[in-house]
């Protein structure tokens, strides 16, 4: 009974210390999103390795007539679509955001147009002599 109480007390104390450290962070959801992105990238890499090994095994099975070529083609197409799906989703989300930003900016009238010629850091004439004269030899 004493061990159970000690375990419960240490669990509560550890949870309190961890939660205060987590809430002390300015942007806890940003940190969670960053960690999820790192973990997702690692899982993607592991998934690609497993899929590559599986495709090699299935290819040898098809060569030795243990698997039909039609089934191998289905497996390869499925792996291809699964590997490309993340890029397709990102592409659709980015284009959707850009279309939304353009429509809201033009509707609100707060759009500020800046071109390369208006940017003083990229315009060489705004940094130096604007009279066009030579520096003299």
N, C-alpha and C. Protein backbone atom coordinates (compact mmCIF):
# COMPACT_ATOMS: atom_id res chain seq x y z
N UNK A 1 0.83 -1.19 0.00
CA UNK A 1 0.00 0.00 0.00
C UNK A 1 0.87 1.25 0.00
N UNK A 2 1.96 1.22 0.75
CA UNK A 2 2.83 2.37 0.83
C UNK A 2 3.50 2.65 -0.52
N UNK A 3 3.87 1.58 -1.27
CA UNK A 3 4.49 1.75 -2.58
C UNK A 3 3.51 2.38 -3.57
N UNK A 4 2.26 1.98 -3.49
CA UNK A 4 1.25 2.54 -4.39
C UNK A 4 1.03 4.03 -4.14
N UNK A 5 1.03 4.41 -2.88
CA UNK A 5 0.87 5.83 -2.55
C UNK A 5 2.08 6.62 -3.05
N UNK A 6 3.26 6.08 -2.85
CA UNK A 6 4.48 6.75 -3.30
C UNK A 6 4.48 6.89 -4.84
N UNK A 7 4.06 5.84 -5.56
CA UNK A 7 3.98 5.90 -7.01
C UNK A 7 2.97 6.94 -7.47
N UNK A 8 1.82 6.98 -6.80
CA UNK A 8 0.79 7.96 -7.16
C UNK A 8 1.28 9.38 -6.90
N UNK A 9 1.95 9.59 -5.76
CA UNK A 9 2.48 10.90 -5.42
C UNK A 9 3.53 11.34 -6.45
N UNK A 10 4.43 10.44 -6.83
CA UNK A 10 5.47 10.81 -7.79
C UNK A 10 4.88 11.07 -9.17
N UNK A 11 3.83 10.33 -9.52
CA UNK A 11 3.17 10.56 -10.79
C UNK A 11 2.50 11.93 -10.81
N UNK A 12 1.82 12.29 -9.74
CA UNK A 12 1.17 13.60 -9.67
C UNK A 12 2.20 14.72 -9.67
N UNK A 13 3.26 14.57 -8.90
CA UNK A 13 4.30 15.59 -8.84
C UNK A 13 4.98 15.75 -10.20
N UNK A 14 5.31 14.64 -10.85
CA UNK A 14 5.92 14.72 -12.18
C UNK A 14 5.00 15.36 -13.19
N UNK A 15 3.72 15.04 -13.13
CA UNK A 15 2.76 15.64 -14.04
C UNK A 15 2.64 17.13 -13.82
N UNK A 16 2.66 17.56 -12.57
CA UNK A 16 2.58 18.99 -12.28
C UNK A 16 3.81 19.72 -12.78
N UNK A 17 4.99 19.16 -12.57
CA UNK A 17 6.21 19.80 -13.03
C UNK A 17 6.25 19.86 -14.56
N UNK A 18 5.83 18.80 -15.20
CA UNK A 18 5.84 18.77 -16.67
C UNK A 18 4.82 19.75 -17.24
N UNK A 19 3.64 19.81 -16.62
CA UNK A 19 2.60 20.69 -17.15
C UNK A 19 2.96 22.16 -16.95
N UNK A 20 3.60 22.51 -15.86
CA UNK A 20 4.00 23.91 -15.67
C UNK A 20 5.08 24.30 -16.65
N UNK A 21 5.99 23.38 -16.96
CA UNK A 21 7.01 23.68 -17.96
C UNK A 21 6.39 23.82 -19.34
N UNK A 22 5.38 23.00 -19.62
CA UNK A 22 4.73 23.07 -20.92
C UNK A 22 3.92 24.35 -21.06
N UNK A 23 3.23 24.77 -20.01
CA UNK A 23 2.42 25.98 -20.09
C UNK A 23 3.27 27.24 -20.01
N UNK A 24 4.51 27.10 -19.53
CA UNK A 24 5.39 28.26 -19.47
C UNK A 24 5.88 28.66 -20.85
N UNK A 25 5.84 27.73 -21.79
CA UNK A 25 6.28 28.04 -23.15
C UNK A 25 5.30 29.03 -23.78
N UNK A 26 5.83 29.92 -24.61
CA UNK A 26 5.00 30.93 -25.25
C UNK A 26 4.03 30.32 -26.25
N UNK A 27 4.54 29.43 -27.08
CA UNK A 27 3.71 28.89 -28.16
C UNK A 27 3.74 27.36 -28.08
N UNK A 28 2.90 26.80 -27.23
CA UNK A 28 2.92 25.36 -27.01
C UNK A 28 2.43 24.60 -28.24
N UNK A 29 1.44 25.16 -28.95
CA UNK A 29 0.92 24.47 -30.12
C UNK A 29 1.90 24.54 -31.28
N UNK A 30 2.66 25.60 -31.37
CA UNK A 30 3.71 25.68 -32.38
C UNK A 30 4.79 24.65 -32.14
N UNK A 31 5.14 24.48 -30.87
CA UNK A 31 6.14 23.46 -30.51
C UNK A 31 5.61 22.06 -30.81
N UNK A 32 4.35 21.81 -30.49
CA UNK A 32 3.77 20.50 -30.79
C UNK A 32 3.72 20.25 -32.29
N UNK A 33 3.39 21.26 -33.07
CA UNK A 33 3.35 21.10 -34.52
C UNK A 33 4.74 20.82 -35.07
N UNK A 34 5.74 21.49 -34.53
CA UNK A 34 7.11 21.27 -34.97
C UNK A 34 7.57 19.84 -34.66
N UNK A 35 7.27 19.37 -33.47
CA UNK A 35 7.65 18.00 -33.09
C UNK A 35 6.89 16.97 -33.92
N UNK A 36 5.63 17.23 -34.21
CA UNK A 36 4.85 16.31 -35.04
C UNK A 36 5.41 16.26 -36.46
N UNK A 37 5.88 17.39 -36.95
CA UNK A 37 6.48 17.42 -38.28
C UNK A 37 7.77 16.61 -38.32
N UNK A 38 8.58 16.70 -37.29
CA UNK A 38 9.82 15.93 -37.22
C UNK A 38 9.51 14.43 -37.16
N UNK A 39 8.56 14.07 -36.32
CA UNK A 39 8.20 12.65 -36.19
C UNK A 39 7.59 12.14 -37.49
N UNK A 40 6.74 12.94 -38.13
CA UNK A 40 6.15 12.54 -39.40
C UNK A 40 7.19 12.35 -40.49
N UNK A 41 8.20 13.22 -40.51
CA UNK A 41 9.28 13.07 -41.49
C UNK A 41 10.06 11.78 -41.27
N UNK A 42 10.31 11.44 -40.01
CA UNK A 42 11.00 10.20 -39.71
C UNK A 42 10.18 8.98 -40.09
N UNK A 43 8.88 9.03 -39.79
CA UNK A 43 8.01 7.91 -40.16
C UNK A 43 7.90 7.75 -41.67
N UNK A 44 7.91 8.85 -42.39
CA UNK A 44 7.87 8.78 -43.84
C UNK A 44 9.11 8.10 -44.39
N UNK A 45 10.27 8.45 -43.84
CA UNK A 45 11.51 7.82 -44.30
C UNK A 45 11.51 6.33 -44.03
N UNK A 46 11.07 5.93 -42.85
CA UNK A 46 10.99 4.51 -42.52
C UNK A 46 9.99 3.80 -43.43
N UNK A 47 8.88 4.45 -43.71
CA UNK A 47 7.88 3.87 -44.59
C UNK A 47 8.40 3.65 -46.01
N UNK A 48 9.20 4.61 -46.51
CA UNK A 48 9.77 4.45 -47.84
C UNK A 48 10.74 3.27 -47.90
N UNK A 49 11.53 3.10 -46.85
CA UNK A 49 12.48 1.97 -46.81
C UNK A 49 11.72 0.65 -46.80
N UNK A 50 10.69 0.55 -45.97
CA UNK A 50 9.90 -0.68 -45.90
C UNK A 50 9.21 -0.96 -47.23
N UNK A 51 8.67 0.08 -47.86
CA UNK A 51 8.00 -0.10 -49.15
C UNK A 51 8.99 -0.53 -50.22
N UNK A 52 10.19 0.01 -50.21
CA UNK A 52 11.20 -0.39 -51.20
C UNK A 52 11.58 -1.85 -51.04
N UNK A 53 11.78 -2.29 -49.80
CA UNK A 53 12.10 -3.70 -49.56
C UNK A 53 10.95 -4.58 -50.00
N UNK A 54 9.72 -4.17 -49.70
CA UNK A 54 8.55 -4.94 -50.11
C UNK A 54 8.41 -5.04 -51.62
N UNK A 55 8.67 -3.93 -52.31
CA UNK A 55 8.58 -3.96 -53.77
C UNK A 55 9.64 -4.88 -54.38
N UNK A 56 10.82 -4.89 -53.80
CA UNK A 56 11.87 -5.79 -54.30
C UNK A 56 11.45 -7.25 -54.10
N UNK A 57 10.91 -7.55 -52.92
CA UNK A 57 10.46 -8.92 -52.64
C UNK A 57 9.32 -9.32 -53.58
N UNK A 58 8.34 -8.44 -53.77
CA UNK A 58 7.22 -8.75 -54.65
C UNK A 58 7.68 -8.90 -56.10
N UNK A 59 8.68 -8.11 -56.50
CA UNK A 59 9.20 -8.25 -57.86
C UNK A 59 9.84 -9.62 -58.07
N UNK A 60 10.63 -10.07 -57.12
CA UNK A 60 11.22 -11.41 -57.23
C UNK A 60 10.14 -12.49 -57.21
N UNK A 61 9.10 -12.28 -56.43
CA UNK A 61 8.00 -13.25 -56.42
C UNK A 61 7.32 -13.31 -57.79
N UNK A 62 7.16 -12.15 -58.43
CA UNK A 62 6.54 -12.13 -59.76
C UNK A 62 7.45 -12.78 -60.80
N UNK A 63 8.75 -12.57 -60.67
CA UNK A 63 9.69 -13.19 -61.61
C UNK A 63 9.62 -14.71 -61.53
N UNK A 64 9.50 -15.24 -60.32
CA UNK A 64 9.45 -16.69 -60.14
C UNK A 64 8.01 -17.25 -60.11
N UNK A 65 7.05 -16.49 -60.64
CA UNK A 65 5.65 -16.90 -60.79
C UNK A 65 4.96 -17.29 -59.48
N UNK A 66 5.33 -16.66 -58.40
CA UNK A 66 4.62 -16.84 -57.13
C UNK A 66 3.57 -15.75 -56.93
N UNK A 67 3.63 -14.73 -57.78
CA UNK A 67 2.71 -13.59 -57.72
C UNK A 67 2.44 -13.16 -59.15
N UNK A 68 1.21 -12.82 -59.45
CA UNK A 68 0.92 -12.41 -60.83
C UNK A 68 1.45 -11.01 -61.09
N UNK A 69 1.77 -10.74 -62.34
CA UNK A 69 2.29 -9.44 -62.72
C UNK A 69 1.23 -8.35 -62.54
N UNK A 70 -0.01 -8.73 -62.71
CA UNK A 70 -1.11 -7.79 -62.51
C UNK A 70 -1.16 -7.32 -61.06
N UNK A 71 -1.01 -8.25 -60.13
CA UNK A 71 -1.00 -7.91 -58.71
C UNK A 71 0.20 -7.04 -58.37
N UNK A 72 1.35 -7.36 -58.97
CA UNK A 72 2.55 -6.54 -58.75
C UNK A 72 2.32 -5.11 -59.25
N UNK A 73 1.66 -4.98 -60.39
CA UNK A 73 1.36 -3.64 -60.91
C UNK A 73 0.44 -2.88 -59.98
N UNK A 74 -0.57 -3.56 -59.42
CA UNK A 74 -1.47 -2.92 -58.45
C UNK A 74 -0.71 -2.46 -57.21
N UNK A 75 0.19 -3.29 -56.73
CA UNK A 75 0.97 -2.95 -55.54
C UNK A 75 1.86 -1.74 -55.83
N UNK A 76 2.50 -1.73 -57.00
CA UNK A 76 3.38 -0.61 -57.36
C UNK A 76 2.58 0.69 -57.51
N UNK A 77 1.43 0.61 -58.15
CA UNK A 77 0.60 1.82 -58.30
C UNK A 77 0.13 2.33 -56.95
N UNK A 78 -0.24 1.43 -56.06
CA UNK A 78 -0.69 1.84 -54.73
C UNK A 78 0.43 2.51 -53.96
N UNK A 79 1.62 1.95 -54.01
CA UNK A 79 2.77 2.57 -53.33
C UNK A 79 3.08 3.94 -53.93
N UNK A 80 2.97 4.05 -55.24
CA UNK A 80 3.24 5.34 -55.89
C UNK A 80 2.24 6.39 -55.43
N UNK A 81 0.95 6.04 -55.45
CA UNK A 81 -0.07 7.01 -55.05
C UNK A 81 0.06 7.39 -53.57
N UNK A 82 0.41 6.43 -52.72
CA UNK A 82 0.59 6.75 -51.31
C UNK A 82 1.80 7.65 -51.09
N UNK A 83 2.85 7.46 -51.85
CA UNK A 83 4.04 8.30 -51.66
C UNK A 83 3.84 9.70 -52.21
N UNK A 84 3.00 9.86 -53.22
CA UNK A 84 2.78 11.17 -53.83
C UNK A 84 1.66 11.94 -53.14
N UNK A 85 0.87 11.27 -52.33
CA UNK A 85 -0.31 11.90 -51.73
C UNK A 85 0.06 13.11 -50.86
N UNK A 86 1.13 13.04 -50.11
CA UNK A 86 1.54 14.17 -49.28
C UNK A 86 1.87 15.40 -50.10
N UNK A 87 2.57 15.20 -51.21
CA UNK A 87 2.91 16.33 -52.08
C UNK A 87 1.66 16.91 -52.74
N UNK A 88 0.73 16.06 -53.11
CA UNK A 88 -0.51 16.54 -53.73
C UNK A 88 -1.31 17.37 -52.73
N UNK A 89 -1.41 16.90 -51.50
CA UNK A 89 -2.16 17.63 -50.47
C UNK A 89 -1.50 18.98 -50.20
N UNK A 90 -0.18 19.02 -50.11
CA UNK A 90 0.53 20.29 -49.88
C UNK A 90 0.29 21.25 -51.03
N UNK A 91 0.36 20.74 -52.24
CA UNK A 91 0.17 21.57 -53.42
C UNK A 91 -1.24 22.16 -53.46
N UNK A 92 -2.23 21.34 -53.15
CA UNK A 92 -3.61 21.82 -53.16
C UNK A 92 -3.82 22.85 -52.06
N UNK A 93 -3.27 22.61 -50.87
CA UNK A 93 -3.43 23.57 -49.77
C UNK A 93 -2.75 24.89 -50.07
N UNK A 94 -1.56 24.88 -50.65
CA UNK A 94 -0.85 26.12 -50.95
C UNK A 94 -1.58 26.92 -52.02
N UNK A 95 -2.05 26.26 -53.07
CA UNK A 95 -2.79 26.97 -54.11
C UNK A 95 -4.10 27.50 -53.57
N UNK A 96 -4.76 26.76 -52.69
CA UNK A 96 -6.01 27.24 -52.11
C UNK A 96 -5.78 28.45 -51.23
N UNK A 97 -4.66 28.48 -50.47
CA UNK A 97 -4.36 29.63 -49.64
C UNK A 97 -4.04 30.85 -50.48
N UNK A 98 -3.30 30.66 -51.57
CA UNK A 98 -2.95 31.79 -52.42
C UNK A 98 -4.20 32.37 -53.08
N UNK A 99 -5.11 31.51 -53.52
CA UNK A 99 -6.34 32.00 -54.13
C UNK A 99 -7.18 32.76 -53.11
N UNK A 100 -7.22 32.26 -51.87
CA UNK A 100 -7.97 32.92 -50.81
C UNK A 100 -7.35 34.27 -50.48
N UNK A 101 -6.02 34.35 -50.40
CA UNK A 101 -5.35 35.61 -50.09
C UNK A 101 -5.58 36.64 -51.18
N UNK A 102 -5.54 36.23 -52.41
CA UNK A 102 -5.75 37.18 -53.51
C UNK A 102 -7.16 37.72 -53.48
N UNK A 103 -8.15 36.86 -53.25
CA UNK A 103 -9.53 37.33 -53.27
C UNK A 103 -9.84 38.23 -52.07
N UNK A 104 -9.30 37.93 -50.90
CA UNK A 104 -9.57 38.77 -49.74
C UNK A 104 -8.81 40.08 -49.81
N UNK A 105 -7.60 40.05 -50.36
CA UNK A 105 -6.82 41.29 -50.44
C UNK A 105 -7.45 42.27 -51.42
N UNK A 106 -7.93 41.76 -52.54
CA UNK A 106 -8.51 42.68 -53.51
C UNK A 106 -9.89 43.15 -53.05
N UNK A 107 -10.59 42.33 -52.28
CA UNK A 107 -11.90 42.73 -51.81
C UNK A 107 -11.80 43.76 -50.69
N UNK A 108 -10.78 43.65 -49.84
CA UNK A 108 -10.67 44.57 -48.72
C UNK A 108 -10.03 45.89 -49.11
N UNK A 109 -9.28 45.90 -50.21
CA UNK A 109 -8.65 47.13 -50.65
C UNK A 109 -7.40 47.47 -49.87
N UNK A 110 -6.85 46.55 -49.10
CA UNK A 110 -5.67 46.83 -48.30
C UNK A 110 -4.41 46.27 -48.93
N UNK A 111 -4.49 45.88 -50.17
CA UNK A 111 -3.35 45.27 -50.83
C UNK A 111 -2.32 46.35 -51.15
N UNK A 112 -1.07 46.10 -50.79
CA UNK A 112 0.01 47.02 -51.07
C UNK A 112 0.93 46.37 -52.09
N UNK A 113 1.10 47.01 -53.21
CA UNK A 113 1.91 46.45 -54.28
C UNK A 113 3.33 46.94 -54.11
N UNK A 114 4.26 46.02 -54.02
CA UNK A 114 5.67 46.37 -53.98
C UNK A 114 6.37 45.60 -55.08
N UNK A 115 7.11 46.33 -55.87
CA UNK A 115 7.86 45.69 -56.93
C UNK A 115 9.33 45.80 -56.63
N UNK A 116 10.12 45.20 -57.48
CA UNK A 116 11.56 45.22 -57.26
C UNK A 116 12.11 46.63 -57.41
N UNK A 117 11.50 47.42 -58.29
CA UNK A 117 12.00 48.78 -58.50
C UNK A 117 11.69 49.69 -57.31
N UNK A 118 10.66 49.35 -56.51
CA UNK A 118 10.31 50.17 -55.36
C UNK A 118 11.11 49.78 -54.12
N UNK A 119 11.76 48.64 -54.14
CA UNK A 119 12.53 48.18 -52.99
C UNK A 119 13.91 48.82 -53.03
N UNK A 120 14.27 49.67 -52.05
CA UNK A 120 15.56 50.37 -52.11
C UNK A 120 16.76 49.44 -51.96
N UNK A 121 16.58 48.27 -51.37
CA UNK A 121 17.71 47.35 -51.23
C UNK A 121 18.04 46.64 -52.53
N UNK A 122 17.08 46.55 -53.44
CA UNK A 122 17.31 45.85 -54.70
C UNK A 122 17.52 46.81 -55.87
N UNK A 123 17.30 48.08 -55.65
CA UNK A 123 17.44 49.05 -56.72
C UNK A 123 18.81 49.71 -56.60
N UNK A 124 19.73 49.45 -57.54
CA UNK A 124 21.08 50.00 -57.39
C UNK A 124 21.14 51.51 -57.54
N UNK A 125 20.20 52.14 -58.20
CA UNK A 125 20.26 53.59 -58.36
C UNK A 125 19.91 54.32 -57.09
N UNK A 126 19.17 53.69 -56.20
CA UNK A 126 18.80 54.38 -54.97
C UNK A 126 19.94 54.35 -53.95
N UNK A 127 20.93 53.49 -54.14
CA UNK A 127 22.03 53.41 -53.19
C UNK A 127 23.15 54.40 -53.49
N UNK A 128 23.40 54.61 -54.75
CA UNK A 128 24.57 55.39 -55.11
C UNK A 128 24.20 56.74 -55.70
N UNK A 129 25.03 57.17 -56.62
CA UNK A 129 24.86 58.44 -57.27
C UNK A 129 23.71 58.37 -58.27
N UNK A 130 22.76 59.26 -58.16
CA UNK A 130 21.60 59.24 -59.06
C UNK A 130 21.73 60.24 -60.21
N UNK A 131 22.84 61.02 -60.23
CA UNK A 131 22.99 62.00 -61.29
C UNK A 131 23.47 61.39 -62.58
N UNK A 132 24.05 60.23 -62.50
CA UNK A 132 24.51 59.55 -63.71
C UNK A 132 25.90 59.98 -64.12
N UNK A 133 26.54 60.84 -63.39
CA UNK A 133 27.90 61.29 -63.73
C UNK A 133 28.94 60.25 -63.38
N UNK A 134 30.11 60.41 -63.91
CA UNK A 134 31.17 59.46 -63.61
C UNK A 134 31.88 59.88 -62.35
N UNK A 135 32.60 58.97 -61.77
CA UNK A 135 33.31 59.25 -60.52
C UNK A 135 34.61 59.98 -60.76
N UNK A 136 35.01 60.07 -61.99
CA UNK A 136 36.23 60.79 -62.31
C UNK A 136 37.45 59.89 -62.30
N UNK A 137 38.33 60.07 -63.31
CA UNK A 137 39.55 59.26 -63.40
C UNK A 137 40.75 60.09 -63.32
